[in-house]
Amino acid sequence: MEALADFWAAYQSTLGFVVVNAFFALSAYAALSTGVLSFATVAYAAFGGFIGAQLVLQTGIDPLLALPAAGLAGAGLAYAVGLLFLRLEGHWMALASLALVLITRVVVLNAATLTGGVNGLSVPYEVSLGALVVLLLIAMFAFHRLSVSWYGIASRAVREDPAVAASLGMVPRRVQTIAFVISGAVGGIGGMLLALTLQFLAPDTFFINIAFTMIAAVVLGGSYHWVGAVIGAAVFTALPVVMQALVPAIQDVANGAALLLIMIFVPRGLFDPRALALRRTPVAKAAGGPHA
């Protein structure tokens, strides 16, 4: 029991960051599921995080009650961003979203009334790990329901071939706009949860590191299913901690080697529904006999 208590004390904060990073990864996946590579989650997280934090600080309400406001703030910004950025294609979209990340930092530095400017913003509230896990389970259930709905079918069609999707009566731009709004809502909530986890927000809290971490987590976990985003966030967050405990002298080398091995031997990510289906097919045929 004592060893279990020591483990919990040592890694409780890591588990909290796993949940927060899972929200960021799901936000990035929402856009990527329609074929759009966007780093704009950082902007949604910053907007939702600061709006939610200020709401709590000004009114004193329970931080969890401010989450819908953070989600709405992120969704509203994402809708505006989508109207502008979805006119772009391919790498231009990615570059524009990276530029938005840089612009976000400048805004955070200069909007001192909302963000605290260079001094940052103290958020003397916290959220329990249990509440974080429950919130992640709710988000996962929502993504599951979306994946089996008409939107999930439309998003996969648009990702594979927008022209074919349009010929089937779908409107790719509309589907991608919905994906942006979902991405913004999840990113805004993730930003608020990060504020409650760190209990402090600064101009460097929402910057390039989060942008690349969330995309790397989605690719590592598997960009073809929302489960991959959650798995990738967990691995990407926990791996440095594990390597620090096992091989502290070569932690960075071990991190890089582990990630390279995963990407070389599992190029479609740790969770690949298509590969799982192909593995199950021979088993199903064998179980059903020659007429299966």
C-alpha atoms as a PDB file:
ATOM      1  CA  MET A   1       0.000   0.000   0.000  1.00  0.00           C
ATOM      2  CA  GLU A   2       2.832   2.361   0.798  1.00  0.00           C
ATOM      3  CA  ALA A   3       4.414   1.729  -2.608  1.00  0.00           C
ATOM      4  CA  LEU A   4       1.054   2.399  -4.270  1.00  0.00           C
ATOM      5  CA  ALA A   5       0.680   5.639  -2.323  1.00  0.00           C
ATOM      6  CA  ASP A   6       4.202   6.706  -3.376  1.00  0.00           C
ATOM      7  CA  PHE A   7       3.416   5.896  -7.019  1.00  0.00           C
ATOM      8  CA  TRP A   8       0.182   7.910  -6.855  1.00  0.00           C
ATOM      9  CA  ALA A   9       1.935  10.887  -5.277  1.00  0.00           C
ATOM     10  CA  ALA A  10       4.702  10.783  -7.887  1.00  0.00           C
ATOM     11  CA  TYR A  11       2.571  10.399 -10.995  1.00  0.00           C
ATOM     12  CA  GLN A  12      -0.775  12.024 -10.162  1.00  0.00           C
ATOM     13  CA  SER A  13       0.214  15.282 -11.847  1.00  0.00           C
ATOM     14  CA  THR A  14       1.371  13.350 -14.928  1.00  0.00           C
ATOM     15  CA  LEU A  15      -2.037  11.711 -15.221  1.00  0.00           C
ATOM     16  CA  GLY A  16      -3.634  15.148 -15.024  1.00  0.00           C
ATOM     17  CA  PHE A  17      -1.523  16.386 -17.915  1.00  0.00           C
ATOM     18  CA  VAL A  18      -2.384  13.234 -19.872  1.00  0.00           C
ATOM     19  CA  VAL A  19      -6.056  14.235 -19.671  1.00  0.00           C
ATOM     20  CA  VAL A  20      -5.400  17.869 -20.624  1.00  0.00           C
ATOM     21  CA  ASN A  21      -3.195  16.870 -23.559  1.00  0.00           C
ATOM     22  CA  ALA A  22      -5.876  14.400 -24.655  1.00  0.00           C
ATOM     23  CA  PHE A  23      -8.280  17.324 -25.033  1.00  0.00           C
ATOM     24  CA  PHE A  24      -5.736  19.167 -27.182  1.00  0.00           C
ATOM     25  CA  ALA A  25      -5.136  16.053 -29.281  1.00  0.00           C
ATOM     26  CA  LEU A  26      -8.875  15.508 -29.772  1.00  0.00           C
ATOM     27  CA  SER A  27      -9.184  19.140 -30.845  1.00  0.00           C
ATOM     28  CA  ALA A  28      -6.452  18.678 -33.444  1.00  0.00           C
ATOM     29  CA  TYR A  29      -8.010  15.388 -34.573  1.00  0.00           C
ATOM     30  CA  ALA A  30     -11.409  17.049 -35.111  1.00  0.00           C
ATOM     31  CA  ALA A  31      -9.948  19.218 -37.858  1.00  0.00           C
ATOM     32  CA  LEU A  32      -7.646  16.502 -39.212  1.00  0.00           C
ATOM     33  CA  SER A  33     -10.587  14.097 -39.521  1.00  0.00           C
ATOM     34  CA  THR A  34     -11.806  16.208 -42.455  1.00  0.00           C
ATOM     35  CA  GLY A  35      -8.366  16.430 -44.067  1.00  0.00           C
ATOM     36  CA  VAL A  36      -7.335  19.782 -42.567  1.00  0.00           C
ATOM     37  CA  LEU A  37      -3.951  20.083 -40.836  1.00  0.00           C
ATOM     38  CA  SER A  38      -4.392  22.966 -38.416  1.00  0.00           C
ATOM     39  CA  PHE A  39      -2.378  24.212 -35.435  1.00  0.00           C
ATOM     40  CA  ALA A  40      -5.117  26.662 -34.463  1.00  0.00           C
ATOM     41  CA  THR A  41      -6.034  24.635 -31.359  1.00  0.00           C
ATOM     42  CA  VAL A  42      -3.445  26.721 -29.524  1.00  0.00           C
ATOM     43  CA  ALA A  43      -5.446  29.877 -30.238  1.00  0.00           C
ATOM     44  CA  TYR A  44      -8.714  28.243 -29.179  1.00  0.00           C
ATOM     45  CA  ALA A  45      -7.100  27.002 -25.964  1.00  0.00           C
ATOM     46  CA  ALA A  46      -5.700  30.431 -25.149  1.00  0.00           C
ATOM     47  CA  PHE A  47      -9.013  32.185 -25.796  1.00  0.00           C
ATOM     48  CA  GLY A  48     -11.049  29.637 -23.857  1.00  0.00           C
ATOM     49  CA  GLY A  49      -8.489  29.412 -21.060  1.00  0.00           C
ATOM     50  CA  PHE A  50      -8.279  33.137 -20.382  1.00  0.00           C
ATOM     51  CA  ILE A  51     -12.022  33.718 -20.799  1.00  0.00           C
ATOM     52  CA  GLY A  52     -12.835  30.851 -18.438  1.00  0.00           C
ATOM     53  CA  ALA A  53     -10.193  31.910 -15.911  1.00  0.00           C
ATOM     54  CA  GLN A  54     -11.415  35.505 -15.869  1.00  0.00           C
ATOM     55  CA  LEU A  55     -15.006  34.353 -15.432  1.00  0.00           C
ATOM     56  CA  VAL A  56     -14.012  32.332 -12.386  1.00  0.00           C
ATOM     57  CA  LEU A  57     -11.861  35.119 -10.949  1.00  0.00           C
ATOM     58  CA  GLN A  58     -14.490  37.815 -11.469  1.00  0.00           C
ATOM     59  CA  THR A  59     -17.550  35.884 -10.299  1.00  0.00           C
ATOM     60  CA  GLY A  60     -16.122  33.248  -7.973  1.00  0.00           C
ATOM     61  CA  ILE A  61     -18.217  30.481  -9.526  1.00  0.00           C
ATOM     62  CA  ASP A  62     -17.130  26.857  -9.487  1.00  0.00           C
ATOM     63  CA  PRO A  63     -14.410  26.427 -12.141  1.00  0.00           C
ATOM     64  CA  LEU A  64     -16.246  23.478 -13.709  1.00  0.00           C
ATOM     65  CA  LEU A  65     -19.249  25.744 -14.326  1.00  0.00           C
ATOM     66  CA  ALA A  66     -16.992  28.006 -16.405  1.00  0.00           C
ATOM     67  CA  LEU A  67     -16.093  25.183 -18.801  1.00  0.00           C
ATOM     68  CA  PRO A  68     -19.120  25.754 -21.092  1.00  0.00           C
ATOM     69  CA  ALA A  69     -18.115  29.411 -21.448  1.00  0.00           C
ATOM     70  CA  ALA A  70     -14.561  28.365 -22.327  1.00  0.00           C
ATOM     71  CA  GLY A  71     -15.909  25.892 -24.873  1.00  0.00           C
ATOM     72  CA  LEU A  72     -18.227  28.496 -26.417  1.00  0.00           C
ATOM     73  CA  ALA A  73     -15.369  31.008 -26.612  1.00  0.00           C
ATOM     74  CA  GLY A  74     -13.178  28.486 -28.411  1.00  0.00           C
ATOM     75  CA  ALA A  75     -16.014  27.441 -30.733  1.00  0.00           C
ATOM     76  CA  GLY A  76     -16.816  31.067 -31.626  1.00  0.00           C
ATOM     77  CA  LEU A  77     -13.186  31.810 -32.453  1.00  0.00           C
ATOM     78  CA  ALA A  78     -12.931  28.592 -34.453  1.00  0.00           C
ATOM     79  CA  TYR A  79     -15.986  29.501 -36.518  1.00  0.00           C
ATOM     80  CA  ALA A  80     -14.457  32.878 -37.382  1.00  0.00           C
ATOM     81  CA  VAL A  81     -11.109  31.257 -38.171  1.00  0.00           C
ATOM     82  CA  GLY A  82     -12.800  28.641 -40.325  1.00  0.00           C
ATOM     83  CA  LEU A  83     -14.584  31.251 -42.424  1.00  0.00           C
ATOM     84  CA  LEU A  84     -11.190  32.745 -43.299  1.00  0.00           C
ATOM     85  CA  PHE A  85      -8.801  29.784 -43.325  1.00  0.00           C
ATOM     86  CA  LEU A  86     -10.944  27.215 -45.128  1.00  0.00           C
ATOM     87  CA  ARG A  87     -10.442  29.261 -48.275  1.00  0.00           C
ATOM     88  CA  LEU A  88      -6.841  28.035 -48.170  1.00  0.00           C
ATOM     89  CA  GLU A  89      -5.623  24.582 -49.164  1.00  0.00           C
ATOM     90  CA  GLY A  90      -2.902  22.165 -48.143  1.00  0.00           C
ATOM     91  CA  HIS A  91       0.264  23.616 -46.679  1.00  0.00           C
ATOM     92  CA  TRP A  92      -1.112  27.160 -46.852  1.00  0.00           C
ATOM     93  CA  MET A  93      -3.682  26.210 -44.234  1.00  0.00           C
ATOM     94  CA  ALA A  94      -0.972  24.815 -41.943  1.00  0.00           C
ATOM     95  CA  LEU A  95       1.197  27.925 -42.380  1.00  0.00           C
ATOM     96  CA  ALA A  96      -1.744  30.226 -41.711  1.00  0.00           C
ATOM     97  CA  SER A  97      -2.604  28.356 -38.519  1.00  0.00           C
ATOM     98  CA  LEU A  98       1.032  28.601 -37.375  1.00  0.00           C
ATOM     99  CA  ALA A  99       0.891  32.339 -38.013  1.00  0.00           C
ATOM    100  CA  LEU A 100      -2.257  32.427 -35.865  1.00  0.00           C
ATOM    101  CA  VAL A 101      -0.278  30.845 -33.020  1.00  0.00           C
ATOM    102  CA  LEU A 102       2.298  33.646 -33.244  1.00  0.00           C
ATOM    103  CA  ILE A 103      -0.434  36.278 -33.389  1.00  0.00           C
ATOM    104  CA  THR A 104      -2.081  34.715 -30.341  1.00  0.00           C
ATOM    105  CA  ARG A 105       1.078  35.186 -28.273  1.00  0.00           C
ATOM    106  CA  VAL A 106       1.318  38.836 -29.283  1.00  0.00           C
ATOM    107  CA  VAL A 107      -2.329  39.382 -28.322  1.00  0.00           C
ATOM    108  CA  VAL A 108      -1.802  37.664 -24.966  1.00  0.00           C
ATOM    109  CA  LEU A 109       1.182  39.911 -24.275  1.00  0.00           C
ATOM    110  CA  ASN A 110      -0.706  43.100 -25.094  1.00  0.00           C
ATOM    111  CA  ALA A 111      -4.213  42.366 -23.784  1.00  0.00           C
ATOM    112  CA  ALA A 112      -3.093  42.829 -20.181  1.00  0.00           C
ATOM    113  CA  THR A 113      -6.614  43.459 -18.875  1.00  0.00           C
ATOM    114  CA  LEU A 114      -7.681  39.962 -19.901  1.00  0.00           C
ATOM    115  CA  THR A 115      -4.439  38.019 -19.719  1.00  0.00           C
ATOM    116  CA  GLY A 116      -2.212  39.827 -17.232  1.00  0.00           C
ATOM    117  CA  GLY A 117       0.281  40.618 -19.997  1.00  0.00           C
ATOM    118  CA  VAL A 118       3.898  39.689 -19.366  1.00  0.00           C
ATOM    119  CA  ASN A 119       3.142  38.930 -15.710  1.00  0.00           C
ATOM    120  CA  GLY A 120       0.601  36.270 -16.589  1.00  0.00           C
ATOM    121  CA  LEU A 121      -2.572  35.413 -14.734  1.00  0.00           C
ATOM    122  CA  SER A 122      -2.789  33.527 -11.459  1.00  0.00           C
ATOM    123  CA  VAL A 123      -5.672  31.051 -11.242  1.00  0.00           C
ATOM    124  CA  PRO A 124      -5.848  29.952  -7.577  1.00  0.00           C
ATOM    125  CA  TYR A 125      -8.283  27.131  -8.247  1.00  0.00           C
ATOM    126  CA  GLU A 126      -7.776  23.476  -9.002  1.00  0.00           C
ATOM    127  CA  VAL A 127      -9.697  20.543 -10.376  1.00  0.00           C
ATOM    128  CA  SER A 128      -9.407  16.994  -9.085  1.00  0.00           C
ATOM    129  CA  LEU A 129      -8.003  14.187 -11.182  1.00  0.00           C
ATOM    130  CA  GLY A 130     -11.318  12.370 -10.863  1.00  0.00           C
ATOM    131  CA  ALA A 131     -13.171  15.318 -12.386  1.00  0.00           C
ATOM    132  CA  LEU A 132     -10.618  15.489 -15.215  1.00  0.00           C
ATOM    133  CA  VAL A 133     -11.099  11.799 -15.987  1.00  0.00           C
ATOM    134  CA  VAL A 134     -14.893  12.139 -15.977  1.00  0.00           C
ATOM    135  CA  LEU A 135     -14.680  15.106 -18.351  1.00  0.00           C
ATOM    136  CA  LEU A 136     -12.412  13.135 -20.692  1.00  0.00           C
ATOM    137  CA  LEU A 137     -14.828  10.190 -20.659  1.00  0.00           C
ATOM    138  CA  ILE A 138     -17.663  12.559 -21.604  1.00  0.00           C
ATOM    139  CA  ALA A 139     -15.563  13.966 -24.460  1.00  0.00           C
ATOM    140  CA  MET A 140     -14.706  10.447 -25.645  1.00  0.00           C
ATOM    141  CA  PHE A 141     -18.371   9.462 -25.609  1.00  0.00           C
ATOM    142  CA  ALA A 142     -19.214  12.569 -27.631  1.00  0.00           C
ATOM    143  CA  PHE A 143     -16.537  11.733 -30.224  1.00  0.00           C
ATOM    144  CA  HIS A 144     -17.788   8.161 -30.389  1.00  0.00           C
ATOM    145  CA  ARG A 145     -21.335   9.336 -31.098  1.00  0.00           C
ATOM    146  CA  LEU A 146     -20.052  11.770 -33.719  1.00  0.00           C
ATOM    147  CA  SER A 147     -17.987   9.050 -35.413  1.00  0.00           C
ATOM    148  CA  VAL A 148     -21.046   6.850 -36.003  1.00  0.00           C
ATOM    149  CA  SER A 149     -23.350   9.713 -37.017  1.00  0.00           C
ATOM    150  CA  TRP A 150     -23.896  11.241 -40.458  1.00  0.00           C
ATOM    151  CA  TYR A 151     -21.185  13.758 -39.577  1.00  0.00           C
ATOM    152  CA  GLY A 152     -18.660  10.982 -39.005  1.00  0.00           C
ATOM    153  CA  ILE A 153     -19.450   9.440 -42.373  1.00  0.00           C
ATOM    154  CA  ALA A 154     -19.277  12.836 -44.081  1.00  0.00           C
ATOM    155  CA  SER A 155     -15.991  13.792 -42.418  1.00  0.00           C
ATOM    156  CA  ARG A 156     -14.329  10.536 -43.528  1.00  0.00           C
ATOM    157  CA  ALA A 157     -15.613  11.009 -47.065  1.00  0.00           C
ATOM    158  CA  VAL A 158     -14.351  14.600 -47.207  1.00  0.00           C
ATOM    159  CA  ARG A 159     -10.969  13.539 -45.849  1.00  0.00           C
ATOM    160  CA  GLU A 160     -10.526  10.803 -48.440  1.00  0.00           C
ATOM    161  CA  ASP A 161     -11.737  12.781 -51.470  1.00  0.00           C
ATOM    162  CA  PRO A 162     -13.653  16.091 -51.266  1.00  0.00           C
ATOM    163  CA  ALA A 163     -14.680  15.864 -54.939  1.00  0.00           C
ATOM    164  CA  VAL A 164     -16.277  12.445 -54.493  1.00  0.00           C
ATOM    165  CA  ALA A 165     -17.943  13.621 -51.274  1.00  0.00           C
ATOM    166  CA  ALA A 166     -19.401  16.601 -53.126  1.00  0.00           C
ATOM    167  CA  SER A 167     -20.697  14.334 -55.886  1.00  0.00           C
ATOM    168  CA  LEU A 168     -22.571  12.373 -53.202  1.00  0.00           C
ATOM    169  CA  GLY A 169     -24.403  15.486 -52.081  1.00  0.00           C
ATOM    170  CA  MET A 170     -22.104  16.530 -49.243  1.00  0.00           C
ATOM    171  CA  VAL A 171     -20.755  20.072 -48.877  1.00  0.00           C
ATOM    172  CA  PRO A 172     -17.057  19.737 -47.927  1.00  0.00           C
ATOM    173  CA  ARG A 173     -16.721  23.336 -46.740  1.00  0.00           C
ATOM    174  CA  ARG A 174     -19.712  22.935 -44.416  1.00  0.00           C
ATOM    175  CA  VAL A 175     -18.393  19.667 -42.981  1.00  0.00           C
ATOM    176  CA  GLN A 176     -14.990  21.238 -42.381  1.00  0.00           C
ATOM    177  CA  THR A 177     -16.598  24.266 -40.726  1.00  0.00           C
ATOM    178  CA  ILE A 178     -18.427  21.957 -38.316  1.00  0.00           C
ATOM    179  CA  ALA A 179     -15.104  20.217 -37.642  1.00  0.00           C
ATOM    180  CA  PHE A 180     -13.501  23.583 -36.858  1.00  0.00           C
ATOM    181  CA  VAL A 181     -16.271  24.458 -34.400  1.00  0.00           C
ATOM    182  CA  ILE A 182     -15.897  21.084 -32.658  1.00  0.00           C
ATOM    183  CA  SER A 183     -12.135  21.586 -32.571  1.00  0.00           C
ATOM    184  CA  GLY A 184     -12.591  25.050 -31.087  1.00  0.00           C
ATOM    185  CA  ALA A 185     -15.000  23.890 -28.382  1.00  0.00           C
ATOM    186  CA  VAL A 186     -12.756  21.014 -27.284  1.00  0.00           C
ATOM    187  CA  GLY A 187      -9.652  23.208 -27.482  1.00  0.00           C
ATOM    188  CA  GLY A 188     -11.288  25.955 -25.408  1.00  0.00           C
ATOM    189  CA  ILE A 189     -12.230  23.460 -22.701  1.00  0.00           C
ATOM    190  CA  GLY A 190      -8.705  22.053 -22.824  1.00  0.00           C
ATOM    191  CA  GLY A 191      -7.299  25.550 -22.324  1.00  0.00           C
ATOM    192  CA  MET A 192      -9.472  26.069 -19.252  1.00  0.00           C
ATOM    193  CA  LEU A 193      -8.442  22.689 -17.835  1.00  0.00           C
ATOM    194  CA  LEU A 194      -4.786  23.572 -18.391  1.00  0.00           C
ATOM    195  CA  ALA A 195      -5.340  26.814 -16.472  1.00  0.00           C
ATOM    196  CA  LEU A 196      -6.819  24.858 -13.563  1.00  0.00           C
ATOM    197  CA  THR A 197      -4.031  22.263 -13.704  1.00  0.00           C
ATOM    198  CA  LEU A 198      -1.177  24.788 -13.785  1.00  0.00           C
ATOM    199  CA  GLN A 199      -3.051  27.374 -11.674  1.00  0.00           C
ATOM    200  CA  PHE A 200      -1.255  29.977 -13.756  1.00  0.00           C
ATOM    201  CA  LEU A 201      -1.393  31.233 -17.333  1.00  0.00           C
ATOM    202  CA  ALA A 202       1.353  33.152 -19.133  1.00  0.00           C
ATOM    203  CA  PRO A 203       2.132  34.241 -22.714  1.00  0.00           C
ATOM    204  CA  ASP A 204       4.308  31.151 -23.178  1.00  0.00           C
ATOM    205  CA  THR A 205       1.679  28.738 -21.835  1.00  0.00           C
ATOM    206  CA  PHE A 206      -0.065  28.591 -25.211  1.00  0.00           C
ATOM    207  CA  PHE A 207       2.688  28.574 -27.787  1.00  0.00           C
ATOM    208  CA  ILE A 208       4.485  26.491 -30.397  1.00  0.00           C
ATOM    209  CA  ASN A 209       5.286  23.619 -28.018  1.00  0.00           C
ATOM    210  CA  ILE A 210       1.604  22.768 -27.575  1.00  0.00           C
ATOM    211  CA  ALA A 211       1.019  23.099 -31.320  1.00  0.00           C
ATOM    212  CA  PHE A 212       3.600  20.481 -32.217  1.00  0.00           C
ATOM    213  CA  THR A 213       2.872  18.256 -29.225  1.00  0.00           C
ATOM    214  CA  MET A 214      -0.809  17.864 -30.123  1.00  0.00           C
ATOM    215  CA  ILE A 215      -0.113  17.067 -33.795  1.00  0.00           C
ATOM    216  CA  ALA A 216       2.651  14.636 -32.839  1.00  0.00           C
ATOM    217  CA  ALA A 217       0.303  12.941 -30.358  1.00  0.00           C
ATOM    218  CA  VAL A 218      -2.387  12.480 -33.023  1.00  0.00           C
ATOM    219  CA  VAL A 219       0.082  11.057 -35.548  1.00  0.00           C
ATOM    220  CA  LEU A 220       1.720   8.829 -32.928  1.00  0.00           C
ATOM    221  CA  GLY A 221      -1.568   7.456 -31.641  1.00  0.00           C
ATOM    222  CA  GLY A 222      -3.213   7.132 -35.032  1.00  0.00           C
ATOM    223  CA  SER A 223      -4.799   9.912 -37.024  1.00  0.00           C
ATOM    224  CA  TYR A 224      -7.568   7.731 -38.496  1.00  0.00           C
ATOM    225  CA  HIS A 225      -9.627   7.399 -35.320  1.00  0.00           C
ATOM    226  CA  TRP A 226     -10.327   9.576 -32.288  1.00  0.00           C
ATOM    227  CA  VAL A 227      -9.101   6.805 -29.974  1.00  0.00           C
ATOM    228  CA  GLY A 228      -5.653   7.263 -31.487  1.00  0.00           C
ATOM    229  CA  ALA A 229      -5.594  10.891 -30.331  1.00  0.00           C
ATOM    230  CA  VAL A 230      -6.217   9.851 -26.727  1.00  0.00           C
ATOM    231  CA  ILE A 231      -3.654   7.038 -26.847  1.00  0.00           C
ATOM    232  CA  GLY A 232      -1.078   9.289 -28.497  1.00  0.00           C
ATOM    233  CA  ALA A 233      -1.575  12.005 -25.869  1.00  0.00           C
ATOM    234  CA  ALA A 234      -1.104   9.446 -23.088  1.00  0.00           C
ATOM    235  CA  VAL A 235       2.074   7.996 -24.609  1.00  0.00           C
ATOM    236  CA  PHE A 236       3.535  11.380 -25.562  1.00  0.00           C
ATOM    237  CA  THR A 237       2.929  12.747 -22.060  1.00  0.00           C
ATOM    238  CA  ALA A 238       3.996   9.711 -20.061  1.00  0.00           C
ATOM    239  CA  LEU A 239       7.033   8.674 -22.142  1.00  0.00           C
ATOM    240  CA  PRO A 240       9.392  11.442 -20.899  1.00  0.00           C
ATOM    241  CA  VAL A 241       8.421  10.685 -17.294  1.00  0.00           C
ATOM    242  CA  VAL A 242       9.041   6.959 -17.741  1.00  0.00           C
ATOM    243  CA  MET A 243      12.387   7.557 -19.459  1.00  0.00           C
ATOM    244  CA  GLN A 244      13.393   9.972 -16.713  1.00  0.00           C
ATOM    245  CA  ALA A 245      12.781   7.231 -14.166  1.00  0.00           C
ATOM    246  CA  LEU A 246      14.459   4.440 -16.163  1.00  0.00           C
ATOM    247  CA  VAL A 247      17.374   6.098 -17.975  1.00  0.00           C
ATOM    248  CA  PRO A 248      17.797   9.648 -16.638  1.00  0.00           C
ATOM    249  CA  ALA A 249      21.255  10.029 -18.153  1.00  0.00           C
ATOM    250  CA  ILE A 250      20.014   9.569 -21.723  1.00  0.00           C
ATOM    251  CA  GLN A 251      16.388  10.611 -21.315  1.00  0.00           C
ATOM    252  CA  ASP A 252      16.171  12.735 -24.473  1.00  0.00           C
ATOM    253  CA  VAL A 253      17.917  10.108 -26.613  1.00  0.00           C
ATOM    254  CA  ALA A 254      15.632   7.387 -25.275  1.00  0.00           C
ATOM    255  CA  ASN A 255      12.539   9.522 -25.936  1.00  0.00           C
ATOM    256  CA  GLY A 256      13.579  10.122 -29.523  1.00  0.00           C
ATOM    257  CA  ALA A 257      14.525   6.492 -30.110  1.00  0.00           C
ATOM    258  CA  ALA A 258      11.208   5.227 -28.749  1.00  0.00           C
ATOM    259  CA  LEU A 259       9.208   7.636 -30.907  1.00  0.00           C
ATOM    260  CA  LEU A 260      11.240   6.757 -34.016  1.00  0.00           C
ATOM    261  CA  LEU A 261      10.711   3.034 -33.466  1.00  0.00           C
ATOM    262  CA  ILE A 262       6.969   3.531 -33.106  1.00  0.00           C
ATOM    263  CA  MET A 263       6.762   5.623 -36.284  1.00  0.00           C
ATOM    264  CA  ILE A 264       8.944   3.186 -38.281  1.00  0.00           C
ATOM    265  CA  PHE A 265       7.212  -0.031 -37.266  1.00  0.00           C
ATOM    266  CA  VAL A 266       3.693   1.377 -36.786  1.00  0.00           C
ATOM    267  CA  PRO A 267       3.493   4.071 -39.506  1.00  0.00           C
ATOM    268  CA  ARG A 268      -0.282   4.491 -39.213  1.00  0.00           C
ATOM    269  CA  GLY A 269      -0.095   5.024 -35.453  1.00  0.00           C
ATOM    270  CA  LEU A 270      -0.609   2.884 -32.383  1.00  0.00           C
ATOM    271  CA  PHE A 271      -4.343   2.554 -33.028  1.00  0.00           C
ATOM    272  CA  ASP A 272      -5.301   1.681 -36.585  1.00  0.00           C
ATOM    273  CA  PRO A 273      -8.909   0.482 -37.098  1.00  0.00           C
ATOM    274  CA  ARG A 274      -8.201  -0.712 -40.637  1.00  0.00           C
ATOM    275  CA  ALA A 275      -5.320  -2.931 -39.518  1.00  0.00           C
ATOM    276  CA  LEU A 276      -7.437  -4.341 -36.695  1.00  0.00           C
ATOM    277  CA  ALA A 277     -10.241  -5.141 -39.154  1.00  0.00           C
ATOM    278  CA  LEU A 278      -7.813  -6.889 -41.506  1.00  0.00           C
ATOM    279  CA  ARG A 279      -6.450  -8.991 -38.643  1.00  0.00           C
ATOM    280  CA  ARG A 280      -9.946 -10.039 -37.592  1.00  0.00           C
ATOM    281  CA  THR A 281     -11.099 -11.004 -41.084  1.00  0.00           C
ATOM    282  CA  PRO A 282      -9.122 -14.292 -41.474  1.00  0.00           C
ATOM    283  CA  VAL A 283     -10.142 -15.309 -37.952  1.00  0.00           C
ATOM    284  CA  ALA A 284     -13.797 -14.660 -38.744  1.00  0.00           C
ATOM    285  CA  LYS A 285     -13.593 -16.672 -41.968  1.00  0.00           C
ATOM    286  CA  ALA A 286     -11.883 -19.566 -40.227  1.00  0.00           C
ATOM    287  CA  ALA A 287     -14.492 -19.599 -37.490  1.00  0.00           C
ATOM    288  CA  GLY A 288     -17.348 -19.537 -40.017  1.00  0.00           C
ATOM    289  CA  GLY A 289     -16.019 -22.319 -42.185  1.00  0.00           C
ATOM    290  CA  PRO A 290     -15.616 -22.329 -45.971  1.00  0.00           C
ATOM    291  CA  HIS A 291     -19.082 -20.833 -46.565  1.00  0.00           C
ATOM    292  CA  ALA A 292     -18.617 -17.874 -44.193  1.00  0.00           C
END
